[in-house]
Structures are given as C-alpha cells and as structure tokens.
Amino acid sequence: MVAAQDSADSHGGGGPPGARTRPYIGVLFRCCHVYARIYLNRAGTAYTGHCPKCAARVSVKARPGGSKSRFWIAE
C-alpha cells in the first residue's frame, strides 16, 4: 500500500537549467526503512521501482492532473 506525503518538490531537478530530466517520485520503503526514487515508465502510465534492499516492487499509476505529492510511503 502506498500512502501520500505532502511536498511541493519538482520533477527531477538538481541539474543544469534546460537539461532534460526523467520524472520521478520519492518513496520511503517501510519494509527496510530506506528511501529510493522510482521513475516514470516508458509508456508514461506509472511510476515503477523496487526497494533497494529487499527488491519489493512498487507501482503508482500516473494520471493527468494527478497528485502534487512527490514523496510517498510504501508499506
């Protein structure tokens, strides 16, 4: 289960102005108490990734006008 945490952070960021970045959301994996970024898939339909320690999979659907939250918790 994924629960929203509020944040106003932007997609990508941190790079030089005008640089193309891949959209991502930040996820805290409660299973192992670690944070990871999960990226938008090639089809642009979902953010998918896994816990870097135990490989638990997570997928969050991407929809037009979806949530403004950039950080989530996977339980």
Protein backbone atom coordinates (compact mmCIF):
# COMPACT_ATOMS: atom_id res chain seq x y z
CA MET A 1 0.00 0.00 0.00
CA VAL A 2 1.26 3.48 -0.82
CA ALA A 3 0.25 6.50 1.26
CA ALA A 4 0.81 10.11 0.16
CA GLN A 5 3.05 12.53 1.98
CA ASP A 6 2.78 16.18 1.01
CA SER A 7 5.60 18.02 -0.71
CA ALA A 8 5.93 20.66 -3.39
CA ASP A 9 9.20 19.36 -4.88
CA SER A 10 9.53 19.40 -8.69
CA HIS A 11 10.19 16.61 -11.18
CA GLY A 12 13.87 15.77 -11.40
CA GLY A 13 15.68 18.97 -10.57
CA GLY A 14 19.25 19.37 -9.43
CA GLY A 15 20.65 19.54 -12.96
CA PRO A 16 21.63 22.48 -15.12
CA PRO A 17 18.78 24.70 -16.38
CA GLY A 18 17.20 23.31 -19.54
CA ALA A 19 18.61 19.81 -19.00
CA ARG A 20 16.11 17.02 -19.69
CA THR A 21 15.34 15.02 -16.55
CA ARG A 22 13.31 11.89 -16.12
CA PRO A 23 10.21 12.35 -13.91
CA TYR A 24 10.37 10.53 -10.59
CA ILE A 25 8.74 10.31 -7.19
CA GLY A 26 10.48 9.63 -3.89
CA VAL A 27 9.39 6.56 -1.96
CA LEU A 28 10.18 5.58 1.61
CA PHE A 29 10.11 1.76 1.78
CA ARG A 30 8.95 0.91 5.29
CA CYS A 31 9.96 -2.73 4.80
CA CYS A 32 13.66 -1.82 5.07
CA HIS A 33 13.50 1.83 6.18
CA VAL A 34 15.18 3.11 3.01
CA TYR A 35 14.39 5.87 0.51
CA ALA A 36 14.58 5.48 -3.27
CA ARG A 37 13.42 7.31 -6.36
CA ILE A 38 11.08 5.47 -8.70
CA TYR A 39 10.83 6.68 -12.27
CA LEU A 40 8.02 7.07 -14.79
CA ASN A 41 7.92 4.07 -17.12
CA ARG A 42 8.48 4.44 -20.88
CA ALA A 43 4.74 4.31 -21.59
CA GLY A 44 4.17 7.17 -19.13
CA THR A 45 1.43 5.22 -17.35
CA ALA A 46 3.01 4.54 -13.94
CA TYR A 47 5.97 5.17 -11.67
CA THR A 48 7.59 1.78 -11.06
CA GLY A 49 10.52 0.62 -8.99
CA HIS A 50 11.66 -1.58 -6.14
CA CYS A 51 13.14 -1.45 -2.65
CA PRO A 52 16.93 -1.27 -2.99
CA LYS A 53 17.41 -3.75 -0.10
CA CYS A 54 14.73 -6.46 -0.43
CA ALA A 55 13.52 -5.83 -4.02
CA ALA A 56 9.85 -5.37 -3.01
CA ARG A 57 8.09 -3.96 -6.09
CA VAL A 58 6.01 -0.77 -6.11
CA SER A 59 3.93 0.83 -8.84
CA VAL A 60 1.98 4.10 -8.68
CA LYS A 61 -0.38 4.96 -11.56
CA ALA A 62 0.31 8.25 -13.32
CA ARG A 63 -2.77 10.18 -14.36
CA PRO A 64 -3.31 13.62 -15.90
CA GLY A 65 -3.94 16.09 -13.10
CA GLY A 66 -2.81 13.51 -10.51
CA SER A 67 -1.40 14.22 -7.07
CA LYS A 68 1.03 17.05 -6.44
CA SER A 69 2.81 14.89 -3.84
CA ARG A 70 6.36 14.00 -4.84
CA PHE A 71 7.08 11.82 -1.79
CA TRP A 72 5.24 8.62 -0.85
CA ILE A 73 5.46 5.82 1.70
CA ALA A 74 5.28 2.17 0.58
CA GLU A 75 4.03 -0.09 3.36
